[in-house]
C-alpha atoms as a PDB file:
ATOM      1  CA  MET A   1      47.725  70.512  43.230  1.00  0.00           C
ATOM      2  CA  ASN A   2      45.878  72.874  40.872  1.00  0.00           C
ATOM      3  CA  SER A   3      47.478  75.095  38.261  1.00  0.00           C
ATOM      4  CA  ALA A   4      47.031  78.272  40.332  1.00  0.00           C
ATOM      5  CA  THR A   5      49.011  76.777  43.215  1.00  0.00           C
ATOM      6  CA  VAL A   6      51.739  75.581  40.887  1.00  0.00           C
ATOM      7  CA  ARG A   7      51.939  79.050  39.359  1.00  0.00           C
ATOM      8  CA  ASN A   8      52.228  80.648  42.794  1.00  0.00           C
ATOM      9  CA  LEU A   9      54.950  78.175  43.744  1.00  0.00           C
ATOM     10  CA  LEU A  10      56.790  78.929  40.500  1.00  0.00           C
ATOM     11  CA  VAL A  11      56.790  82.651  41.251  1.00  0.00           C
ATOM     12  CA  ARG A  12      57.952  82.034  44.806  1.00  0.00           C
ATOM     13  CA  GLY A  13      60.637  79.671  43.549  1.00  0.00           C
ATOM     14  CA  MET A  14      62.031  82.305  41.200  1.00  0.00           C
ATOM     15  CA  LEU A  15      61.960  84.910  43.989  1.00  0.00           C
ATOM     16  CA  ALA A  16      63.688  82.487  46.343  1.00  0.00           C
ATOM     17  CA  GLY A  17      66.249  81.778  43.620  1.00  0.00           C
ATOM     18  CA  LEU A  18      66.858  85.501  43.292  1.00  0.00           C
ATOM     19  CA  GLY A  19      67.384  85.838  47.039  1.00  0.00           C
ATOM     20  CA  ALA A  20      69.674  82.818  47.118  1.00  0.00           C
ATOM     21  CA  GLY A  21      71.526  84.254  44.131  1.00  0.00           C
ATOM     22  CA  LEU A  22      72.224  87.428  46.081  1.00  0.00           C
ATOM     23  CA  LEU A  23      73.717  85.381  48.909  1.00  0.00           C
ATOM     24  CA  ALA A  24      75.797  83.389  46.434  1.00  0.00           C
ATOM     25  CA  LEU A  25      76.906  86.624  44.768  1.00  0.00           C
ATOM     26  CA  VAL A  26      78.324  87.896  48.047  1.00  0.00           C
ATOM     27  CA  ALA A  27      80.133  84.590  48.592  1.00  0.00           C
ATOM     28  CA  ALA A  28      81.467  84.584  45.027  1.00  0.00           C
ATOM     29  CA  TYR A  29      82.720  88.159  45.238  1.00  0.00           C
ATOM     30  CA  PHE A  30      84.556  87.808  48.542  1.00  0.00           C
ATOM     31  CA  PHE A  31      85.739  84.194  48.333  1.00  0.00           C
ATOM     32  CA  GLY A  32      85.856  83.295  44.648  1.00  0.00           C
ATOM     33  CA  GLU A  33      87.063  86.416  42.868  1.00  0.00           C
ATOM     34  CA  PRO A  34      90.379  86.759  44.791  1.00  0.00           C
ATOM     35  CA  ASN A  35      91.323  83.264  43.638  1.00  0.00           C
ATOM     36  CA  VAL A  36      90.370  84.125  40.057  1.00  0.00           C
ATOM     37  CA  ASP A  37      92.597  87.219  40.219  1.00  0.00           C
ATOM     38  CA  SER A  38      95.493  85.128  41.527  1.00  0.00           C
ATOM     39  CA  ALA A  39      95.041  82.597  38.721  1.00  0.00           C
ATOM     40  CA  ILE A  40      94.947  85.353  36.103  1.00  0.00           C
ATOM     41  CA  SER A  41      98.139  86.845  37.548  1.00  0.00           C
ATOM     42  CA  PHE A  42      99.808  83.432  37.283  1.00  0.00           C
ATOM     43  CA  GLU A  43      98.660  83.092  33.682  1.00  0.00           C
ATOM     44  CA  GLU A  44      99.942  86.530  32.723  1.00  0.00           C
ATOM     45  CA  ALA A  45     103.291  85.870  34.374  1.00  0.00           C
ATOM     46  CA  HIS A  46     103.825  82.593  32.489  1.00  0.00           C
ATOM     47  CA  SER A  47     102.341  83.506  29.108  1.00  0.00           C
ATOM     48  CA  HIS A  48     104.306  85.164  26.321  1.00  0.00           C
ATOM     49  CA  GLU A  49     101.180  86.108  24.366  1.00  0.00           C
ATOM     50  CA  HIS A  50      99.264  89.259  25.194  1.00  0.00           C
ATOM     51  CA  GLU A  51      95.657  89.223  24.051  1.00  0.00           C
ATOM     52  CA  MET A  52      93.469  92.300  23.812  1.00  0.00           C
ATOM     53  CA  GLU A  53      90.991  92.453  26.708  1.00  0.00           C
ATOM     54  CA  ILE A  54      87.495  92.724  25.219  1.00  0.00           C
ATOM     55  CA  VAL A  55      85.720  93.002  28.578  1.00  0.00           C
ATOM     56  CA  SER A  56      87.590  94.593  31.464  1.00  0.00           C
ATOM     57  CA  ARG A  57      88.335  92.515  34.534  1.00  0.00           C
ATOM     58  CA  SER A  58      86.527  95.012  36.775  1.00  0.00           C
ATOM     59  CA  LEU A  59      83.351  94.623  34.707  1.00  0.00           C
ATOM     60  CA  GLN A  60      83.663  90.845  34.756  1.00  0.00           C
ATOM     61  CA  SER A  61      83.997  90.719  38.557  1.00  0.00           C
ATOM     62  CA  THR A  62      81.041  93.049  39.213  1.00  0.00           C
ATOM     63  CA  ALA A  63      78.255  93.403  36.651  1.00  0.00           C
ATOM     64  CA  GLY A  64      79.190  90.241  34.766  1.00  0.00           C
ATOM     65  CA  LEU A  65      79.384  88.165  37.925  1.00  0.00           C
ATOM     66  CA  ALA A  66      76.097  89.566  39.251  1.00  0.00           C
ATOM     67  CA  THR A  67      74.273  88.908  35.978  1.00  0.00           C
ATOM     68  CA  GLY A  68      75.479  85.322  35.728  1.00  0.00           C
ATOM     69  CA  VAL A  69      74.809  84.360  39.339  1.00  0.00           C
ATOM     70  CA  LEU A  70      71.378  86.018  39.567  1.00  0.00           C
ATOM     71  CA  VAL A  71      70.133  84.618  36.253  1.00  0.00           C
ATOM     72  CA  TYR A  72      71.390  81.186  37.306  1.00  0.00           C
ATOM     73  CA  GLY A  73      69.598  81.494  40.654  1.00  0.00           C
ATOM     74  CA  VAL A  74      66.278  82.591  39.142  1.00  0.00           C
ATOM     75  CA  ALA A  75      66.356  79.897  36.441  1.00  0.00           C
ATOM     76  CA  PHE A  76      67.177  77.038  38.769  1.00  0.00           C
ATOM     77  CA  GLY A  77      64.778  78.407  41.370  1.00  0.00           C
ATOM     78  CA  GLY A  78      61.933  78.116  38.893  1.00  0.00           C
ATOM     79  CA  ILE A  79      62.948  74.602  37.866  1.00  0.00           C
ATOM     80  CA  ALA A  80      63.292  73.537  41.508  1.00  0.00           C
ATOM     81  CA  ALA A  81      59.844  74.971  42.302  1.00  0.00           C
ATOM     82  CA  LEU A  82      58.278  72.832  39.560  1.00  0.00           C
ATOM     83  CA  ALA A  83      60.142  69.788  40.869  1.00  0.00           C
ATOM     84  CA  PHE A  84      58.873  70.646  44.359  1.00  0.00           C
ATOM     85  CA  SER A  85      55.286  70.755  43.063  1.00  0.00           C
ATOM     86  CA  PHE A  86      55.682  67.208  41.794  1.00  0.00           C
ATOM     87  CA  ALA A  87      57.668  65.845  44.761  1.00  0.00           C
ATOM     88  CA  LEU A  88      55.506  67.209  47.584  1.00  0.00           C
ATOM     89  CA  GLY A  89      53.690  64.282  49.185  1.00  0.00           C
ATOM     90  CA  ARG A  90      55.355  61.725  46.899  1.00  0.00           C
ATOM     91  CA  VAL A  91      58.740  61.403  48.620  1.00  0.00           C
ATOM     92  CA  GLY A  92      57.384  61.041  52.140  1.00  0.00           C
ATOM     93  CA  ARG A  93      55.145  62.667  54.691  1.00  0.00           C
ATOM     94  CA  PHE A  94      57.213  65.828  54.947  1.00  0.00           C
ATOM     95  CA  SER A  95      56.009  69.367  55.424  1.00  0.00           C
ATOM     96  CA  PRO A  96      56.536  71.860  52.573  1.00  0.00           C
ATOM     97  CA  ARG A  97      59.462  73.377  54.472  1.00  0.00           C
ATOM     98  CA  ALA A  98      61.163  70.012  55.005  1.00  0.00           C
ATOM     99  CA  THR A  99      60.455  68.948  51.416  1.00  0.00           C
ATOM    100  CA  ALA A 100      62.081  72.131  50.093  1.00  0.00           C
ATOM    101  CA  LEU A 101      65.214  71.534  52.178  1.00  0.00           C
ATOM    102  CA  LEU A 102      65.362  67.881  51.104  1.00  0.00           C
ATOM    103  CA  LEU A 103      64.917  68.820  47.453  1.00  0.00           C
ATOM    104  CA  SER A 104      67.621  71.503  47.684  1.00  0.00           C
ATOM    105  CA  GLY A 105      70.071  69.097  49.256  1.00  0.00           C
ATOM    106  CA  CYS A 106      69.409  66.449  46.617  1.00  0.00           C
ATOM    107  CA  ALA A 107      69.722  69.040  43.853  1.00  0.00           C
ATOM    108  CA  LEU A 108      73.060  70.227  45.244  1.00  0.00           C
ATOM    109  CA  LEU A 109      74.371  66.668  45.276  1.00  0.00           C
ATOM    110  CA  ALA A 110      73.004  65.558  41.903  1.00  0.00           C
ATOM    111  CA  VAL A 111      73.476  68.749  39.900  1.00  0.00           C
ATOM    112  CA  TYR A 112      76.814  69.897  41.277  1.00  0.00           C
ATOM    113  CA  VAL A 113      78.641  67.719  43.818  1.00  0.00           C
ATOM    114  CA  VAL A 114      78.564  64.421  41.894  1.00  0.00           C
ATOM    115  CA  PRO A 115      79.820  65.963  38.599  1.00  0.00           C
ATOM    116  CA  PHE A 116      82.268  68.102  40.609  1.00  0.00           C
ATOM    117  CA  LEU A 117      83.953  65.042  42.111  1.00  0.00           C
ATOM    118  CA  LYS A 118      84.686  63.712  38.617  1.00  0.00           C
ATOM    119  CA  TYR A 119      85.337  66.986  36.794  1.00  0.00           C
ATOM    120  CA  PRO A 120      86.099  69.676  39.408  1.00  0.00           C
ATOM    121  CA  ALA A 121      86.059  73.374  38.619  1.00  0.00           C
ATOM    122  CA  ASN A 122      89.323  74.865  37.409  1.00  0.00           C
ATOM    123  CA  PRO A 123      90.528  78.474  37.606  1.00  0.00           C
ATOM    124  CA  PRO A 124      91.841  80.473  34.635  1.00  0.00           C
ATOM    125  CA  SER A 125      95.169  79.230  33.184  1.00  0.00           C
ATOM    126  CA  VAL A 126      94.163  75.620  33.935  1.00  0.00           C
ATOM    127  CA  GLY A 127      92.949  73.680  30.911  1.00  0.00           C
ATOM    128  CA  ASN A 128      93.828  73.429  27.257  1.00  0.00           C
ATOM    129  CA  ALA A 129      91.824  75.742  24.998  1.00  0.00           C
ATOM    130  CA  ASP A 130      91.694  73.044  22.309  1.00  0.00           C
ATOM    131  CA  THR A 131      89.811  70.628  24.595  1.00  0.00           C
ATOM    132  CA  ILE A 132      87.206  73.022  25.994  1.00  0.00           C
ATOM    133  CA  GLY A 133      84.449  71.482  23.875  1.00  0.00           C
ATOM    134  CA  LYS A 134      85.294  67.967  25.026  1.00  0.00           C
ATOM    135  CA  ARG A 135      85.530  69.015  28.672  1.00  0.00           C
ATOM    136  CA  THR A 136      82.194  70.834  28.532  1.00  0.00           C
ATOM    137  CA  THR A 137      80.480  67.861  26.912  1.00  0.00           C
ATOM    138  CA  LEU A 138      81.836  65.433  29.501  1.00  0.00           C
ATOM    139  CA  TYR A 139      80.821  67.653  32.379  1.00  0.00           C
ATOM    140  CA  PHE A 140      77.229  68.072  31.176  1.00  0.00           C
ATOM    141  CA  LEU A 141      77.055  64.359  30.395  1.00  0.00           C
ATOM    142  CA  MET A 142      78.064  63.629  33.975  1.00  0.00           C
ATOM    143  CA  MET A 143      75.510  66.121  35.298  1.00  0.00           C
ATOM    144  CA  VAL A 144      72.628  64.709  33.213  1.00  0.00           C
ATOM    145  CA  LEU A 145      73.599  61.178  34.190  1.00  0.00           C
ATOM    146  CA  SER A 146      73.679  62.128  37.868  1.00  0.00           C
ATOM    147  CA  VAL A 147      70.232  63.753  37.741  1.00  0.00           C
ATOM    148  CA  LEU A 148      68.666  60.841  35.873  1.00  0.00           C
ATOM    149  CA  LEU A 149      70.198  58.319  38.254  1.00  0.00           C
ATOM    150  CA  ALA A 150      68.978  60.316  41.255  1.00  0.00           C
ATOM    151  CA  ILE A 151      65.431  60.215  39.858  1.00  0.00           C
ATOM    152  CA  ALA A 152      65.765  56.492  39.143  1.00  0.00           C
ATOM    153  CA  ALA A 153      67.055  55.861  42.677  1.00  0.00           C
ATOM    154  CA  THR A 154      64.078  57.730  44.138  1.00  0.00           C
ATOM    155  CA  ILE A 155      61.638  55.636  42.088  1.00  0.00           C
ATOM    156  CA  LEU A 156      63.471  52.464  43.099  1.00  0.00           C
ATOM    157  CA  GLY A 157      63.278  53.381  46.771  1.00  0.00           C
ATOM    158  CA  LYS A 158      59.546  54.103  46.543  1.00  0.00           C
ATOM    159  CA  ARG A 159      58.869  50.717  44.921  1.00  0.00           C
ATOM    160  CA  LEU A 160      60.996  48.794  47.402  1.00  0.00           C
ATOM    161  CA  ALA A 161      59.578  50.491  50.497  1.00  0.00           C
ATOM    162  CA  PRO A 162      56.311  48.455  50.702  1.00  0.00           C
ATOM    163  CA  ARG A 163      58.300  45.199  50.470  1.00  0.00           C
ATOM    164  CA  ILE A 164      61.359  45.714  52.664  1.00  0.00           C
ATOM    165  CA  GLY A 165      60.549  48.862  54.627  1.00  0.00           C
ATOM    166  CA  THR A 166      61.513  52.513  54.208  1.00  0.00           C
ATOM    167  CA  TRP A 167      64.944  52.220  55.861  1.00  0.00           C
ATOM    168  CA  TYR A 168      66.236  49.308  53.790  1.00  0.00           C
ATOM    169  CA  ALA A 169      64.652  50.706  50.633  1.00  0.00           C
ATOM    170  CA  THR A 170      66.476  54.005  51.146  1.00  0.00           C
ATOM    171  CA  VAL A 171      69.789  52.277  51.824  1.00  0.00           C
ATOM    172  CA  GLY A 172      69.348  50.067  48.760  1.00  0.00           C
ATOM    173  CA  ALA A 173      68.472  52.999  46.492  1.00  0.00           C
ATOM    174  CA  VAL A 174      71.445  55.047  47.702  1.00  0.00           C
ATOM    175  CA  ALA A 175      73.761  52.065  47.281  1.00  0.00           C
ATOM    176  CA  ALA A 176      72.515  51.465  43.723  1.00  0.00           C
ATOM    177  CA  PHE A 177      73.053  55.141  42.904  1.00  0.00           C
ATOM    178  CA  ALA A 178      76.578  55.051  44.311  1.00  0.00           C
ATOM    179  CA  VAL A 179      77.498  51.886  42.387  1.00  0.00           C
ATOM    180  CA  VAL A 180      76.346  53.216  39.014  1.00  0.00           C
ATOM    181  CA  ILE A 181      77.990  56.594  39.622  1.00  0.00           C
ATOM    182  CA  GLY A 182      81.188  54.780  40.579  1.00  0.00           C
ATOM    183  CA  LEU A 183      81.092  52.893  37.289  1.00  0.00           C
ATOM    184  CA  ALA A 184      80.608  56.175  35.437  1.00  0.00           C
ATOM    185  CA  TYR A 185      83.617  57.632  37.270  1.00  0.00           C
ATOM    186  CA  ALA A 186      85.673  54.615  36.245  1.00  0.00           C
ATOM    187  CA  PHE A 187      84.742  54.518  32.550  1.00  0.00           C
ATOM    188  CA  LEU A 188      84.464  58.209  31.649  1.00  0.00           C
ATOM    189  CA  PRO A 189      87.723  59.823  30.484  1.00  0.00           C
ATOM    190  CA  VAL A 190      90.042  61.443  33.017  1.00  0.00           C
ATOM    191  CA  ILE A 191      91.045  65.054  32.352  1.00  0.00           C
ATOM    192  CA  ASN A 192      94.253  66.348  33.921  1.00  0.00           C
ATOM    193  CA  GLU A 193      95.442  69.596  32.363  1.00  0.00           C
ATOM    194  CA  VAL A 194      96.801  71.380  35.432  1.00  0.00           C
ATOM    195  CA  PRO A 195     100.213  72.961  34.710  1.00  0.00           C
ATOM    196  CA  LYS A 196     103.056  71.410  36.661  1.00  0.00           C
ATOM    197  CA  ASP A 197     104.088  74.689  38.273  1.00  0.00           C
ATOM    198  CA  PHE A 198     100.549  75.835  39.143  1.00  0.00           C
ATOM    199  CA  PRO A 199     100.221  76.451  42.926  1.00  0.00           C
ATOM    200  CA  ALA A 200      98.387  73.535  44.545  1.00  0.00           C
ATOM    201  CA  THR A 201      97.028  75.747  47.335  1.00  0.00           C
ATOM    202  CA  LEU A 202      95.488  78.153  44.820  1.00  0.00           C
ATOM    203  CA  LEU A 203      93.836  75.278  42.955  1.00  0.00           C
ATOM    204  CA  TRP A 204      92.462  73.908  46.226  1.00  0.00           C
ATOM    205  CA  ARG A 205      91.153  77.313  47.360  1.00  0.00           C
ATOM    206  CA  PHE A 206      89.460  77.922  44.027  1.00  0.00           C
ATOM    207  CA  ARG A 207      87.689  74.564  44.001  1.00  0.00           C
ATOM    208  CA  LEU A 208      86.697  74.907  47.631  1.00  0.00           C
ATOM    209  CA  SER A 209      85.260  78.376  47.004  1.00  0.00           C
ATOM    210  CA  ALA A 210      83.310  77.079  43.977  1.00  0.00           C
ATOM    211  CA  LEU A 211      81.791  74.344  46.132  1.00  0.00           C
ATOM    212  CA  ALA A 212      81.014  76.843  48.898  1.00  0.00           C
ATOM    213  CA  ILE A 213      79.214  79.175  46.470  1.00  0.00           C
ATOM    214  CA  GLN A 214      76.942  76.380  45.269  1.00  0.00           C
ATOM    215  CA  THR A 215      76.280  75.307  48.856  1.00  0.00           C
ATOM    216  CA  VAL A 216      75.270  78.851  49.788  1.00  0.00           C
ATOM    217  CA  LEU A 217      73.066  79.092  46.699  1.00  0.00           C
ATOM    218  CA  TRP A 218      71.145  75.856  47.226  1.00  0.00           C
ATOM    219  CA  GLY A 219      71.092  76.089  51.007  1.00  0.00           C
ATOM    220  CA  GLY A 220      69.725  79.624  50.846  1.00  0.00           C
ATOM    221  CA  PHE A 221      67.146  78.586  48.275  1.00  0.00           C
ATOM    222  CA  GLY A 222      65.951  75.683  50.414  1.00  0.00           C
ATOM    223  CA  LEU A 223      65.475  77.892  53.468  1.00  0.00           C
ATOM    224  CA  VAL A 224      63.799  80.807  51.671  1.00  0.00           C
ATOM    225  CA  PHE A 225      61.592  78.754  49.363  1.00  0.00           C
ATOM    226  CA  GLY A 226      60.666  76.375  52.171  1.00  0.00           C
ATOM    227  CA  GLU A 227      59.355  79.276  54.234  1.00  0.00           C
ATOM    228  CA  LEU A 228      57.440  80.773  51.300  1.00  0.00           C
ATOM    229  CA  ALA A 229      55.940  77.405  50.348  1.00  0.00           C
ATOM    230  CA  GLU A 230      54.969  76.683  53.955  1.00  0.00           C
ATOM    231  CA  ARG A 231      53.085  79.988  54.217  1.00  0.00           C
ATOM    232  CA  LEU A 232      51.322  79.374  50.907  1.00  0.00           C
ATOM    233  CA  LEU A 233      50.296  75.772  51.448  1.00  0.00           C
ATOM    234  CA  ASN A 234      49.766  75.815  55.217  1.00  0.00           C
ATOM    235  CA  PRO A 235      48.572  79.330  56.078  1.00  0.00           C
ATOM    236  CA  LYS A 236      48.110  80.080  59.748  1.00  0.00           C
ATOM    237  CA  PRO A 237      44.490  80.670  60.818  1.00  0.00           C
ATOM    238  CA  VAL A 238      43.552  84.258  61.543  1.00  0.00           C
ATOM    239  CA  THR A 239      42.693  84.726  65.196  1.00  0.00           C
ATOM    240  CA  ALA A 240      39.847  86.861  66.429  1.00  0.00           C
ATOM    241  CA  ALA A 241      42.211  89.492  67.817  1.00  0.00           C
ATOM    242  CA  ALA A 242      44.194  89.671  64.593  1.00  0.00           C
ATOM    243  CA  SER A 243      41.065  90.089  62.473  1.00  0.00           C
ATOM    244  CA  GLY A 244      39.751  92.894  64.665  1.00  0.00           C
ATOM    245  CA  ARG A 245      36.725  90.968  65.904  1.00  0.00           C
ATOM    246  CA  VAL A 246      35.612  91.142  69.488  1.00  0.00           C
ATOM    247  CA  ALA A 247      34.174  88.030  71.104  1.00  0.00           C
ATOM    248  CA  VAL A 248      30.760  88.680  72.687  1.00  0.00           C
ATOM    249  CA  PRO A 249      29.994  86.526  75.759  1.00  0.00           C
ATOM    250  CA  SER A 250      26.753  84.617  75.624  1.00  0.00           C
END
């Protein structure tokens, strides 16, 4: 794949990330923000300290939310497009559209779902302010570990495939990934800072909405980028009628 094609895929990846970010923004506004408001109301009702609001809540839930989600979508769309350029043809005989969907699904699992199962997202009023640095470090450590292990599992599966077949190589690679991730879950510290009187249903709804937003983001990216990559790499031939030419009988 030459540099011009990679550049075109990068641009399309960022555009697809922008489109997926818009879909995720809608999901975040209608499903995530109500839970954030409920958590903030709980915090205000149980806190005796009143801090000055530097940025208004209305600005946070509109312009702030849009900026964060769209920038996140464009950035990860560009990174995913570069990963797609490397993975196409190396992970199997898949079309560009299928490769984009496969890559998006793997990215969702490795980048978000695996770290989420160990350190799930928490709404406002959940978590000690003194441990925010530790919690952030552990979460990113889990995310980096998950991504590296996913890459290692892919390499392992590719090397085992000629010896034991694609099916058993895939099962073995997935099993190895699951075992190492399980060990990481067991040895990394557990963080439990949920207040005793915090509503369990609100916590569940918030975490479920966070997972749904990421699913919409990566699912939308896979569909949009897959279509754009398919049209770039496998353009349909122009027919005589479409090009305005008239066939002359011999």
